[in-house]
């Protein structure tokens, strides 16, 4: 299923076709992080993933005159996916291993998650819980406990203060500190 291209991407493609390097640079910065993360997950190597994605952008630039009025996001994803599959195929030949059907399904699921925002609820919940736990682990012990009581157990600040034998002002300070860290972490 192809996604419709955004109007913004469409104007970028037109500019890139005319050789506009600034438009190409904008396109690079817009999609590189997600393409790189996708490729890294598939090939399990940052260096190889980086090389693959850069090769894709280089090919796109070299063939810019052939670009049609399509979703450049889908085109980039397809090119990176094909690079990854070729790498896995070549590695399989070298290592005499087979890329299984489940590997292919995982690759396609990653595409659905990242590029089409079709995230299976169970997977989304698991990932979100893991990320929340990572942030929680970065909090000082007291702030972590206050935040857990407030946001996970649903206690009021007064109840937390009584349970932990601290002032309400102290509870508010810890919650504020925790929320600040969460905002910073989830800002991307």
N, C-alpha and C. Protein backbone atom coordinates (compact mmCIF):
# COMPACT_ATOMS: atom_id res chain seq x y z
N UNK A 1 0.84 -1.16 0.00
CA UNK A 1 0.00 0.00 0.00
C UNK A 1 0.89 1.24 0.00
N UNK A 2 0.72 2.11 -0.98
CA UNK A 2 1.52 3.32 -1.06
C UNK A 2 0.83 4.45 -0.32
N UNK A 3 1.63 5.23 0.37
CA UNK A 3 1.09 6.39 1.05
C UNK A 3 1.09 7.57 0.09
N UNK A 4 0.18 8.48 0.27
CA UNK A 4 0.17 9.69 -0.54
C UNK A 4 1.35 10.56 -0.12
N UNK A 5 1.93 11.21 -1.08
CA UNK A 5 3.05 12.09 -0.77
C UNK A 5 2.53 13.36 -0.14
N UNK A 6 3.34 13.95 0.72
CA UNK A 6 2.92 15.21 1.30
C UNK A 6 3.25 16.33 0.32
N UNK A 7 2.52 17.41 0.42
CA UNK A 7 2.74 18.55 -0.47
C UNK A 7 4.15 19.09 -0.29
N UNK A 8 4.64 19.09 0.95
CA UNK A 8 5.98 19.58 1.24
C UNK A 8 7.03 18.72 0.54
N UNK A 9 6.89 17.41 0.59
CA UNK A 9 7.82 16.51 -0.09
C UNK A 9 7.74 16.69 -1.59
N UNK A 10 6.55 16.93 -2.09
CA UNK A 10 6.36 17.12 -3.52
C UNK A 10 7.15 18.32 -4.02
N UNK A 11 7.10 19.42 -3.28
CA UNK A 11 7.86 20.60 -3.69
C UNK A 11 9.36 20.35 -3.56
N UNK A 12 9.76 19.58 -2.56
CA UNK A 12 11.18 19.22 -2.43
C UNK A 12 11.64 18.42 -3.63
N UNK A 13 10.85 17.46 -4.04
CA UNK A 13 11.21 16.61 -5.18
C UNK A 13 11.37 17.46 -6.43
N UNK A 14 10.47 18.40 -6.65
CA UNK A 14 10.57 19.28 -7.82
C UNK A 14 11.86 20.08 -7.78
N UNK A 15 12.21 20.60 -6.61
CA UNK A 15 13.44 21.38 -6.47
C UNK A 15 14.67 20.49 -6.67
N UNK A 16 14.62 19.27 -6.12
CA UNK A 16 15.75 18.34 -6.25
C UNK A 16 15.95 17.97 -7.72
N UNK A 17 14.86 17.76 -8.44
CA UNK A 17 14.95 17.45 -9.87
C UNK A 17 15.70 18.54 -10.62
N UNK A 18 15.58 19.78 -10.14
CA UNK A 18 16.25 20.92 -10.78
C UNK A 18 17.67 21.13 -10.25
N UNK A 19 18.09 20.23 -9.34
CA UNK A 19 19.46 20.31 -8.82
C UNK A 19 19.62 21.18 -7.58
N UNK A 20 18.56 21.48 -6.89
CA UNK A 20 18.61 22.33 -5.69
C UNK A 20 19.22 21.53 -4.54
N UNK A 21 20.46 21.87 -4.20
CA UNK A 21 21.18 21.16 -3.14
C UNK A 21 20.60 21.41 -1.76
N UNK A 22 20.07 22.60 -1.54
CA UNK A 22 19.47 22.90 -0.23
C UNK A 22 18.22 22.04 0.00
N UNK A 23 17.42 21.85 -1.05
CA UNK A 23 16.23 20.99 -0.93
C UNK A 23 16.65 19.56 -0.65
N UNK A 24 17.72 19.12 -1.31
CA UNK A 24 18.22 17.76 -1.10
C UNK A 24 18.72 17.61 0.34
N UNK A 25 19.41 18.64 0.83
CA UNK A 25 19.91 18.60 2.21
C UNK A 25 18.75 18.53 3.20
N UNK A 26 17.70 19.29 2.94
CA UNK A 26 16.52 19.25 3.80
C UNK A 26 15.89 17.85 3.79
N UNK A 27 15.79 17.26 2.61
CA UNK A 27 15.25 15.91 2.49
C UNK A 27 16.13 14.92 3.27
N UNK A 28 17.43 15.09 3.17
CA UNK A 28 18.36 14.23 3.89
C UNK A 28 18.10 14.31 5.39
N UNK A 29 18.06 15.50 5.93
CA UNK A 29 17.89 15.65 7.38
C UNK A 29 16.50 15.25 7.85
N UNK A 30 15.52 15.32 6.98
CA UNK A 30 14.16 14.95 7.35
C UNK A 30 14.03 13.45 7.56
N UNK A 31 14.63 12.65 6.69
CA UNK A 31 14.39 11.21 6.74
C UNK A 31 15.60 10.36 7.15
N UNK A 32 16.79 10.94 7.16
CA UNK A 32 17.98 10.15 7.49
C UNK A 32 17.87 9.44 8.85
N UNK A 33 17.48 10.13 9.92
CA UNK A 33 17.46 9.44 11.23
C UNK A 33 16.60 8.18 11.23
N UNK A 34 15.41 8.25 10.63
CA UNK A 34 14.53 7.07 10.63
C UNK A 34 15.05 6.00 9.69
N UNK A 35 15.57 6.39 8.55
CA UNK A 35 16.13 5.40 7.62
C UNK A 35 17.33 4.70 8.24
N UNK A 36 18.19 5.49 8.89
CA UNK A 36 19.36 4.92 9.55
C UNK A 36 18.95 3.95 10.66
N UNK A 37 18.00 4.36 11.49
CA UNK A 37 17.54 3.50 12.59
C UNK A 37 16.96 2.20 12.04
N UNK A 38 16.20 2.31 10.97
CA UNK A 38 15.61 1.13 10.34
C UNK A 38 16.72 0.20 9.83
N UNK A 39 17.66 0.74 9.08
CA UNK A 39 18.73 -0.08 8.51
C UNK A 39 19.60 -0.69 9.61
N UNK A 40 19.90 0.08 10.64
CA UNK A 40 20.71 -0.43 11.75
C UNK A 40 20.03 -1.61 12.43
N UNK A 41 18.72 -1.51 12.59
CA UNK A 41 17.97 -2.60 13.22
C UNK A 41 18.03 -3.86 12.36
N UNK A 42 17.96 -3.68 11.06
CA UNK A 42 17.95 -4.84 10.16
C UNK A 42 19.33 -5.47 10.03
N UNK A 43 20.36 -4.65 9.81
CA UNK A 43 21.69 -5.21 9.54
C UNK A 43 22.54 -5.34 10.79
N UNK A 44 22.06 -4.78 11.90
CA UNK A 44 22.76 -4.89 13.19
C UNK A 44 24.17 -4.31 13.17
N UNK A 45 24.35 -3.22 12.43
CA UNK A 45 25.64 -2.55 12.38
C UNK A 45 25.44 -1.09 12.05
N UNK A 46 25.95 -0.21 12.91
CA UNK A 46 25.81 1.22 12.66
C UNK A 46 26.58 1.65 11.42
N UNK A 47 27.80 1.15 11.26
CA UNK A 47 28.63 1.55 10.12
C UNK A 47 28.00 1.13 8.80
N UNK A 48 27.55 -0.10 8.74
CA UNK A 48 26.95 -0.61 7.50
C UNK A 48 25.64 0.13 7.21
N UNK A 49 24.84 0.35 8.25
CA UNK A 49 23.57 1.08 8.07
C UNK A 49 23.84 2.49 7.56
N UNK A 50 24.81 3.16 8.15
CA UNK A 50 25.16 4.51 7.73
C UNK A 50 25.58 4.52 6.26
N UNK A 51 26.44 3.58 5.89
CA UNK A 51 26.89 3.49 4.49
C UNK A 51 25.72 3.24 3.55
N UNK A 52 24.82 2.36 3.94
CA UNK A 52 23.67 2.03 3.09
C UNK A 52 22.80 3.26 2.85
N UNK A 53 22.48 3.95 3.92
CA UNK A 53 21.58 5.10 3.79
C UNK A 53 22.26 6.20 2.97
N UNK A 54 23.54 6.42 3.19
CA UNK A 54 24.24 7.42 2.40
C UNK A 54 24.29 7.02 0.93
N UNK A 55 24.49 5.73 0.66
CA UNK A 55 24.46 5.25 -0.73
C UNK A 55 23.10 5.51 -1.37
N UNK A 56 22.04 5.31 -0.61
CA UNK A 56 20.69 5.54 -1.13
C UNK A 56 20.52 7.01 -1.50
N UNK A 57 20.95 7.89 -0.61
CA UNK A 57 20.83 9.31 -0.92
C UNK A 57 21.70 9.70 -2.12
N UNK A 58 22.88 9.11 -2.21
CA UNK A 58 23.74 9.38 -3.36
C UNK A 58 23.07 8.93 -4.66
N UNK A 59 22.49 7.74 -4.65
CA UNK A 59 21.77 7.24 -5.84
C UNK A 59 20.60 8.15 -6.18
N UNK A 60 19.89 8.60 -5.15
CA UNK A 60 18.75 9.48 -5.38
C UNK A 60 19.22 10.77 -6.06
N UNK A 61 20.33 11.32 -5.57
CA UNK A 61 20.86 12.55 -6.15
C UNK A 61 21.31 12.32 -7.60
N UNK A 62 22.00 11.21 -7.83
CA UNK A 62 22.49 10.91 -9.17
C UNK A 62 21.34 10.70 -10.16
N UNK A 63 20.24 10.15 -9.69
CA UNK A 63 19.10 9.85 -10.56
C UNK A 63 17.97 10.88 -10.40
N UNK A 64 18.28 12.03 -9.83
CA UNK A 64 17.25 13.03 -9.53
C UNK A 64 16.44 13.43 -10.75
N UNK A 65 17.05 13.43 -11.92
CA UNK A 65 16.33 13.80 -13.13
C UNK A 65 15.24 12.80 -13.49
N UNK A 66 15.35 11.57 -12.99
CA UNK A 66 14.37 10.53 -13.29
C UNK A 66 13.23 10.47 -12.27
N UNK A 67 13.30 11.32 -11.23
CA UNK A 67 12.28 11.28 -10.18
C UNK A 67 10.92 11.61 -10.76
N UNK A 68 9.95 10.84 -10.34
CA UNK A 68 8.56 11.09 -10.75
C UNK A 68 7.81 11.68 -9.57
N UNK A 69 6.59 12.06 -9.80
CA UNK A 69 5.75 12.67 -8.78
C UNK A 69 5.19 11.56 -7.88
N UNK A 70 6.06 11.08 -6.98
CA UNK A 70 5.68 9.99 -6.07
C UNK A 70 6.04 10.36 -4.64
N UNK A 71 5.72 9.50 -3.73
CA UNK A 71 6.09 9.70 -2.33
C UNK A 71 7.58 9.42 -2.17
N UNK A 72 8.34 10.48 -1.95
CA UNK A 72 9.79 10.32 -1.80
C UNK A 72 10.12 9.54 -0.53
N UNK A 73 9.26 9.65 0.48
CA UNK A 73 9.47 8.91 1.73
C UNK A 73 9.40 7.40 1.45
N UNK A 74 8.38 6.99 0.69
CA UNK A 74 8.27 5.57 0.35
C UNK A 74 9.41 5.12 -0.54
N UNK A 75 9.81 5.99 -1.46
CA UNK A 75 10.93 5.65 -2.35
C UNK A 75 12.20 5.42 -1.54
N UNK A 76 12.49 6.34 -0.63
CA UNK A 76 13.70 6.21 0.20
C UNK A 76 13.63 4.94 1.04
N UNK A 77 12.47 4.70 1.65
CA UNK A 77 12.34 3.49 2.46
C UNK A 77 12.58 2.25 1.61
N UNK A 78 11.96 2.19 0.44
CA UNK A 78 12.09 1.03 -0.43
C UNK A 78 13.54 0.81 -0.84
N UNK A 79 14.22 1.92 -1.14
CA UNK A 79 15.63 1.80 -1.53
C UNK A 79 16.48 1.27 -0.37
N UNK A 80 16.24 1.79 0.84
CA UNK A 80 17.00 1.31 2.01
C UNK A 80 16.64 -0.13 2.31
N UNK A 81 15.37 -0.47 2.24
CA UNK A 81 14.95 -1.85 2.49
C UNK A 81 15.63 -2.79 1.51
N UNK A 82 15.66 -2.41 0.25
CA UNK A 82 16.31 -3.26 -0.75
C UNK A 82 17.81 -3.39 -0.48
N UNK A 83 18.44 -2.31 -0.06
CA UNK A 83 19.86 -2.38 0.32
C UNK A 83 20.06 -3.38 1.46
N UNK A 84 19.17 -3.29 2.45
CA UNK A 84 19.27 -4.19 3.61
C UNK A 84 19.07 -5.65 3.18
N UNK A 85 18.08 -5.88 2.35
CA UNK A 85 17.82 -7.25 1.89
C UNK A 85 18.98 -7.78 1.07
N UNK A 86 19.56 -6.95 0.23
CA UNK A 86 20.73 -7.37 -0.53
C UNK A 86 21.89 -7.70 0.39
N UNK A 87 22.09 -6.87 1.40
CA UNK A 87 23.15 -7.13 2.36
C UNK A 87 22.92 -8.46 3.08
N UNK A 88 21.68 -8.67 3.55
CA UNK A 88 21.37 -9.93 4.25
C UNK A 88 21.55 -11.13 3.32
N UNK A 89 21.12 -10.98 2.07
CA UNK A 89 21.28 -12.06 1.10
C UNK A 89 22.76 -12.36 0.88
N UNK A 90 23.55 -11.32 0.68
CA UNK A 90 24.99 -11.51 0.46
C UNK A 90 25.66 -12.11 1.70
N UNK A 91 25.26 -11.63 2.85
CA UNK A 91 25.83 -12.16 4.09
C UNK A 91 25.43 -13.62 4.28
N UNK A 92 24.20 -13.95 3.89
CA UNK A 92 23.74 -15.33 3.98
C UNK A 92 24.59 -16.23 3.11
N UNK A 93 24.90 -15.76 1.93
CA UNK A 93 25.75 -16.54 1.03
C UNK A 93 27.13 -16.71 1.65
N UNK A 94 27.65 -15.62 2.19
CA UNK A 94 28.98 -15.69 2.80
C UNK A 94 28.98 -16.59 4.02
N UNK A 95 27.98 -16.43 4.86
CA UNK A 95 27.92 -17.20 6.10
C UNK A 95 27.15 -18.50 5.96
N UNK A 96 26.64 -18.75 4.77
CA UNK A 96 25.86 -19.95 4.49
C UNK A 96 24.67 -20.07 5.44
N UNK A 97 24.03 -18.91 5.69
CA UNK A 97 22.84 -18.88 6.52
C UNK A 97 21.68 -18.40 5.66
N UNK A 98 20.46 -18.69 6.09
CA UNK A 98 19.29 -18.29 5.34
C UNK A 98 18.56 -17.16 6.06
N UNK A 99 18.07 -16.21 5.27
CA UNK A 99 17.19 -15.20 5.81
C UNK A 99 15.81 -15.84 5.88
N UNK A 100 15.28 -15.94 7.07
CA UNK A 100 14.02 -16.64 7.24
C UNK A 100 12.84 -15.74 6.93
N UNK A 101 11.70 -16.36 6.76
CA UNK A 101 10.47 -15.62 6.53
C UNK A 101 10.16 -14.72 7.71
N UNK A 102 10.46 -15.16 8.91
CA UNK A 102 10.19 -14.32 10.08
C UNK A 102 11.08 -13.08 10.06
N UNK A 103 12.31 -13.21 9.55
CA UNK A 103 13.17 -12.03 9.40
C UNK A 103 12.51 -11.03 8.46
N UNK A 104 11.95 -11.51 7.38
CA UNK A 104 11.29 -10.64 6.41
C UNK A 104 10.07 -9.98 7.05
N UNK A 105 9.33 -10.75 7.83
CA UNK A 105 8.15 -10.18 8.50
C UNK A 105 8.55 -9.10 9.49
N UNK A 106 9.65 -9.31 10.20
CA UNK A 106 10.12 -8.30 11.13
C UNK A 106 10.53 -7.03 10.40
N UNK A 107 11.18 -7.20 9.27
CA UNK A 107 11.58 -6.04 8.48
C UNK A 107 10.36 -5.26 8.04
N UNK A 108 9.35 -5.95 7.54
CA UNK A 108 8.14 -5.28 7.09
C UNK A 108 7.40 -4.63 8.26
N UNK A 109 7.42 -5.26 9.43
CA UNK A 109 6.76 -4.68 10.59
C UNK A 109 7.46 -3.40 11.00
N UNK A 110 8.79 -3.38 10.92
CA UNK A 110 9.53 -2.16 11.23
C UNK A 110 9.12 -1.04 10.28
N UNK A 111 8.93 -1.39 9.02
CA UNK A 111 8.48 -0.39 8.04
C UNK A 111 7.11 0.15 8.44
N UNK A 112 6.21 -0.73 8.76
CA UNK A 112 4.87 -0.30 9.13
C UNK A 112 4.89 0.60 10.36
N UNK A 113 5.74 0.27 11.30
CA UNK A 113 5.82 1.04 12.52
C UNK A 113 6.38 2.42 12.25
N UNK A 114 7.51 2.47 11.55
CA UNK A 114 8.21 3.73 11.41
C UNK A 114 7.62 4.62 10.33
N UNK A 115 7.29 4.06 9.21
CA UNK A 115 6.91 4.88 8.08
C UNK A 115 5.42 5.03 7.89
N UNK A 116 4.66 4.11 8.34
CA UNK A 116 3.22 4.23 8.13
C UNK A 116 2.46 4.36 9.44
N UNK A 117 3.19 4.38 10.53
CA UNK A 117 2.60 4.54 11.86
C UNK A 117 1.51 3.50 12.13
N UNK A 118 1.69 2.30 11.60
CA UNK A 118 0.76 1.21 11.89
C UNK A 118 1.41 0.33 12.95
N UNK A 119 1.32 0.79 14.18
CA UNK A 119 2.02 0.13 15.26
C UNK A 119 1.08 -0.84 15.96
N UNK A 120 1.47 -2.11 16.01
CA UNK A 120 0.66 -3.05 16.78
C UNK A 120 0.57 -2.58 18.23
N UNK A 121 -0.63 -2.58 18.80
CA UNK A 121 -0.84 -2.05 20.14
C UNK A 121 0.07 -2.69 21.17
N UNK A 122 0.21 -4.00 21.11
CA UNK A 122 1.02 -4.70 22.10
C UNK A 122 2.48 -4.25 22.00
N UNK A 123 2.98 -4.12 20.79
CA UNK A 123 4.36 -3.71 20.57
C UNK A 123 4.55 -2.27 21.03
N UNK A 124 3.60 -1.39 20.71
CA UNK A 124 3.68 0.00 21.12
C UNK A 124 3.69 0.11 22.64
N UNK A 125 2.80 -0.62 23.29
CA UNK A 125 2.73 -0.58 24.75
C UNK A 125 4.03 -1.07 25.38
N UNK A 126 4.57 -2.15 24.84
CA UNK A 126 5.82 -2.70 25.36
C UNK A 126 6.95 -1.70 25.19
N UNK A 127 7.06 -1.10 24.01
CA UNK A 127 8.13 -0.15 23.75
C UNK A 127 7.98 1.08 24.64
N UNK A 128 6.77 1.58 24.78
CA UNK A 128 6.54 2.75 25.61
C UNK A 128 6.88 2.45 27.07
N UNK A 129 6.48 1.28 27.57
CA UNK A 129 6.81 0.91 28.95
C UNK A 129 8.32 0.82 29.16
N UNK A 130 9.03 0.28 28.16
CA UNK A 130 10.49 0.20 28.27
C UNK A 130 11.11 1.58 28.31
N UNK A 131 10.62 2.49 27.47
CA UNK A 131 11.16 3.84 27.45
C UNK A 131 10.83 4.59 28.73
N UNK A 132 9.64 4.39 29.25
CA UNK A 132 9.27 5.03 30.52
C UNK A 132 10.18 4.51 31.62
N UNK A 133 10.43 3.21 31.63
CA UNK A 133 11.31 2.63 32.66
C UNK A 133 12.73 3.17 32.54
N UNK A 134 13.20 3.38 31.31
CA UNK A 134 14.54 3.95 31.12
C UNK A 134 14.62 5.34 31.74
N UNK A 135 13.60 6.15 31.51
CA UNK A 135 13.59 7.49 32.07
C UNK A 135 13.48 7.41 33.59
N UNK A 136 12.61 6.54 34.07
CA UNK A 136 12.44 6.38 35.53
C UNK A 136 13.77 6.00 36.18
N UNK A 137 14.53 5.13 35.53
CA UNK A 137 15.82 4.70 36.09
C UNK A 137 16.83 5.83 36.16
N UNK A 138 16.64 6.88 35.37
CA UNK A 138 17.56 8.02 35.38
C UNK A 138 17.24 9.00 36.51
N UNK A 139 16.05 8.86 37.09
CA UNK A 139 15.65 9.76 38.16
C UNK A 139 16.34 9.39 39.47
N UNK A 140 16.60 10.38 40.33
CA UNK A 140 17.09 10.06 41.67
C UNK A 140 16.02 9.20 42.38
N UNK A 141 16.46 8.42 43.33
CA UNK A 141 15.57 7.44 43.97
C UNK A 141 14.30 8.08 44.54
N UNK A 142 14.42 9.19 45.24
CA UNK A 142 13.26 9.83 45.86
C UNK A 142 12.30 10.35 44.79
N UNK A 143 12.84 10.98 43.76
CA UNK A 143 11.99 11.51 42.67
C UNK A 143 11.29 10.36 41.95
N UNK A 144 12.00 9.26 41.77
CA UNK A 144 11.41 8.09 41.11
C UNK A 144 10.24 7.55 41.93
N UNK A 145 10.41 7.46 43.25
CA UNK A 145 9.36 6.95 44.13
C UNK A 145 8.15 7.88 44.13
N UNK A 146 8.40 9.18 44.22
CA UNK A 146 7.32 10.16 44.21
C UNK A 146 6.56 10.08 42.89
N UNK A 147 7.28 10.03 41.79
CA UNK A 147 6.64 9.98 40.48
C UNK A 147 5.83 8.69 40.31
N UNK A 148 6.38 7.58 40.77
CA UNK A 148 5.66 6.30 40.70
C UNK A 148 4.35 6.37 41.48
N UNK A 149 4.41 6.92 42.68
CA UNK A 149 3.19 7.04 43.50
C UNK A 149 2.18 7.99 42.86
N UNK A 150 2.67 9.05 42.25
CA UNK A 150 1.79 10.05 41.65
C UNK A 150 1.18 9.56 40.35
N UNK A 151 2.02 9.15 39.43
CA UNK A 151 1.52 8.88 38.08
C UNK A 151 1.10 7.43 37.86
N UNK A 152 1.72 6.51 38.56
CA UNK A 152 1.38 5.09 38.34
C UNK A 152 0.31 4.62 39.32
N UNK A 153 0.48 4.99 40.60
CA UNK A 153 -0.52 4.59 41.60
C UNK A 153 -1.66 5.59 41.70
N UNK A 154 -1.47 6.81 41.17
CA UNK A 154 -2.53 7.80 41.14
C UNK A 154 -2.80 8.50 42.46
N UNK A 155 -1.81 8.53 43.35
CA UNK A 155 -2.00 9.21 44.64
C UNK A 155 -1.90 10.73 44.47
N UNK A 156 -2.59 11.45 45.33
CA UNK A 156 -2.52 12.91 45.35
C UNK A 156 -1.23 13.33 46.05
N UNK A 157 -0.79 14.56 45.80
CA UNK A 157 0.46 15.06 46.41
C UNK A 157 0.42 14.98 47.93
N UNK A 158 -0.74 15.29 48.49
CA UNK A 158 -0.88 15.25 49.96
C UNK A 158 -0.69 13.82 50.46
N UNK A 159 -1.28 12.86 49.76
CA UNK A 159 -1.16 11.44 50.16
C UNK A 159 0.29 10.96 50.04
N UNK A 160 0.95 11.41 49.01
CA UNK A 160 2.36 11.02 48.81
C UNK A 160 3.21 11.60 49.93
N UNK A 161 2.97 12.87 50.24
CA UNK A 161 3.73 13.53 51.31
C UNK A 161 3.56 12.78 52.63
N UNK A 162 2.33 12.38 52.92
CA UNK A 162 2.07 11.65 54.16
C UNK A 162 2.74 10.28 54.14
N UNK A 163 2.64 9.57 53.01
CA UNK A 163 3.21 8.22 52.91
C UNK A 163 4.73 8.24 53.03
N UNK A 164 5.36 9.25 52.44
CA UNK A 164 6.83 9.30 52.44
C UNK A 164 7.39 10.19 53.56
N UNK A 165 6.47 10.79 54.31
CA UNK A 165 6.86 11.66 55.42
C UNK A 165 7.75 12.81 54.95
N UNK A 166 7.29 13.48 53.89
CA UNK A 166 7.97 14.67 53.36
C UNK A 166 6.91 15.76 53.15
N UNK A 167 7.35 16.98 52.88
CA UNK A 167 6.40 18.07 52.66
C UNK A 167 5.78 17.98 51.26
N UNK A 168 4.62 18.58 51.10
CA UNK A 168 3.97 18.62 49.80
C UNK A 168 4.83 19.38 48.80
N UNK A 169 5.49 20.41 49.26
CA UNK A 169 6.37 21.21 48.41
C UNK A 169 7.49 20.32 47.85
N UNK A 170 7.99 19.45 48.69
CA UNK A 170 9.05 18.51 48.28
C UNK A 170 8.50 17.54 47.22
N UNK A 171 7.28 17.08 47.42
CA UNK A 171 6.63 16.18 46.46
C UNK A 171 6.50 16.89 45.12
N UNK A 172 6.03 18.13 45.15
CA UNK A 172 5.86 18.90 43.92
C UNK A 172 7.19 19.08 43.20
N UNK A 173 8.24 19.33 43.97
CA UNK A 173 9.57 19.51 43.40
C UNK A 173 10.03 18.23 42.68
N UNK A 174 9.82 17.09 43.30
CA UNK A 174 10.22 15.81 42.70
C UNK A 174 9.41 15.51 41.44
N UNK A 175 8.11 15.78 41.48
CA UNK A 175 7.27 15.54 40.30
C UNK A 175 7.71 16.47 39.17
N UNK A 176 7.98 17.70 39.50
CA UNK A 176 8.43 18.67 38.49
C UNK A 176 9.74 18.21 37.85
N UNK A 177 10.64 17.73 38.67
CA UNK A 177 11.94 17.24 38.17
C UNK A 177 11.73 16.04 37.24
N UNK A 178 10.86 15.14 37.64
CA UNK A 178 10.59 13.95 36.83
C UNK A 178 9.94 14.34 35.51
N UNK A 179 8.96 15.23 35.55
CA UNK A 179 8.28 15.65 34.33
C UNK A 179 9.24 16.36 33.38
N UNK A 180 10.15 17.12 33.95
CA UNK A 180 11.15 17.80 33.13
C UNK A 180 12.02 16.78 32.38
N UNK A 181 12.42 15.73 33.05
CA UNK A 181 13.22 14.69 32.41
C UNK A 181 12.41 13.95 31.35
N UNK A 182 11.15 13.66 31.64
CA UNK A 182 10.30 12.99 30.65
C UNK A 182 10.11 13.86 29.41
N UNK A 183 9.86 15.16 29.63
CA UNK A 183 9.69 16.07 28.49
C UNK A 183 10.94 16.09 27.63
N UNK A 184 12.08 16.16 28.27
CA UNK A 184 13.36 16.20 27.54
C UNK A 184 13.55 14.90 26.75
N UNK A 185 13.26 13.78 27.37
CA UNK A 185 13.47 12.48 26.73
C UNK A 185 12.53 12.27 25.54
N UNK A 186 11.27 12.63 25.71
CA UNK A 186 10.27 12.37 24.67
C UNK A 186 10.09 13.54 23.69
N UNK A 187 10.96 14.51 23.77
CA UNK A 187 10.87 15.68 22.90
C UNK A 187 11.13 15.34 21.45
N UNK A 188 11.95 14.35 21.16
CA UNK A 188 12.28 13.99 19.79
C UNK A 188 11.02 13.79 19.02
